[in-house]
Amino acid sequence: MNGLSDVRLTLHSQELVAGQEDSAWNSAMRNAPSCMSRWDLFWHRLHTRKALLALTPEQLKDVGLTREQAREEGLKPFWRL
């Protein structure tokens, strides 16, 4: 390979990584109500995750989560999917 091919491969791999990150964000936004901005989504995530930590065992059973799963999701930072 010559130097130009190496540069193309490096740039292409960076584009693929950026595309995956965009895809994850777009997927999260597709599941959010259409009226939500990015900050609204962060705010919503923060409050719903905190509420998840406060659920009783009966409520968790209704939702179909174990205490450990709820704790894992509830302790995630709001900016994480």
Protein backbone atom coordinates (compact mmCIF):
# COMPACT_ATOMS: atom_id res chain seq x y z
CA MET A 1 0.00 0.00 0.00
CA ASN A 2 1.10 3.53 -0.60
CA GLY A 3 0.67 6.41 1.85
CA LEU A 4 -2.52 7.65 0.22
CA SER A 5 -4.26 4.29 0.73
CA ASP A 6 -3.32 4.33 4.43
CA VAL A 7 -4.84 7.78 4.84
CA ARG A 8 -8.03 6.70 3.08
CA LEU A 9 -8.37 3.64 5.33
CA THR A 10 -7.81 5.73 8.45
CA LEU A 11 -10.36 8.34 7.40
CA HIS A 12 -12.88 5.67 6.41
CA SER A 13 -12.59 3.95 9.81
CA GLN A 14 -13.11 7.30 11.55
CA GLU A 15 -16.22 7.91 9.44
CA LEU A 16 -17.57 4.49 10.39
CA VAL A 17 -17.08 5.20 14.10
CA ALA A 18 -18.75 8.61 13.76
CA GLY A 19 -21.62 6.98 11.87
CA GLN A 20 -22.15 4.46 14.66
CA GLU A 21 -22.30 7.23 17.26
CA ASP A 22 -24.78 9.18 15.12
CA SER A 23 -26.82 6.03 14.65
CA ALA A 24 -27.04 5.49 18.44
CA TRP A 25 -28.16 9.08 18.98
CA ASN A 26 -30.70 8.91 16.16
CA SER A 27 -32.06 5.67 17.57
CA ALA A 28 -32.53 7.29 20.98
CA MET A 29 -34.23 10.30 19.46
CA ARG A 30 -36.60 8.07 17.43
CA ASN A 31 -37.86 6.58 20.69
CA ALA A 32 -38.37 10.00 22.27
CA PRO A 33 -41.50 12.07 21.72
CA SER A 34 -41.07 14.35 18.70
CA CYS A 35 -41.44 17.53 20.75
CA MET A 36 -38.38 16.77 22.91
CA SER A 37 -35.15 18.65 22.39
CA ARG A 38 -31.83 17.17 23.43
CA TRP A 39 -32.01 18.93 26.81
CA ASP A 40 -35.60 17.81 27.34
CA LEU A 41 -34.52 14.24 26.66
CA PHE A 42 -31.66 14.55 29.17
CA TRP A 43 -34.04 15.98 31.78
CA HIS A 44 -36.59 13.24 31.12
CA ARG A 45 -33.92 10.54 31.38
CA LEU A 46 -32.60 11.97 34.66
CA HIS A 47 -36.02 11.96 36.31
CA THR A 48 -37.21 8.61 35.00
CA ARG A 49 -33.99 6.92 36.09
CA LYS A 50 -34.32 8.40 39.58
CA ALA A 51 -37.95 7.23 39.71
CA LEU A 52 -36.81 3.74 38.72
CA LEU A 53 -34.65 3.60 41.84
CA ALA A 54 -37.68 4.35 44.01
CA LEU A 55 -39.94 1.58 42.67
CA THR A 56 -41.16 -1.12 45.06
CA PRO A 57 -40.49 -4.81 44.36
CA GLU A 58 -44.10 -5.24 43.22
CA GLN A 59 -43.81 -2.35 40.78
CA LEU A 60 -40.53 -3.72 39.42
CA LYS A 61 -42.20 -7.09 38.90
CA ASP A 62 -44.99 -5.37 36.93
CA VAL A 63 -42.39 -3.68 34.74
CA GLY A 64 -40.45 -6.92 34.37
CA LEU A 65 -37.19 -5.80 35.94
CA THR A 66 -35.14 -7.15 38.80
CA ARG A 67 -33.86 -4.85 41.53
CA GLU A 68 -30.34 -5.19 40.10
CA GLN A 69 -31.46 -4.24 36.58
CA ALA A 70 -33.35 -1.23 37.91
CA ARG A 71 -30.34 -0.18 39.99
CA GLU A 72 -28.00 -0.54 37.01
CA GLU A 73 -30.25 1.60 34.79
CA GLY A 74 -31.09 4.09 37.54
CA LEU A 75 -27.46 4.83 38.32
CA LYS A 76 -26.49 5.55 34.70
CA PRO A 77 -25.64 9.18 33.98
CA PHE A 78 -28.40 11.04 32.12
CA TRP A 79 -26.24 11.51 29.03
CA ARG A 80 -25.80 7.74 28.51
CA LEU A 81 -28.23 5.72 26.42
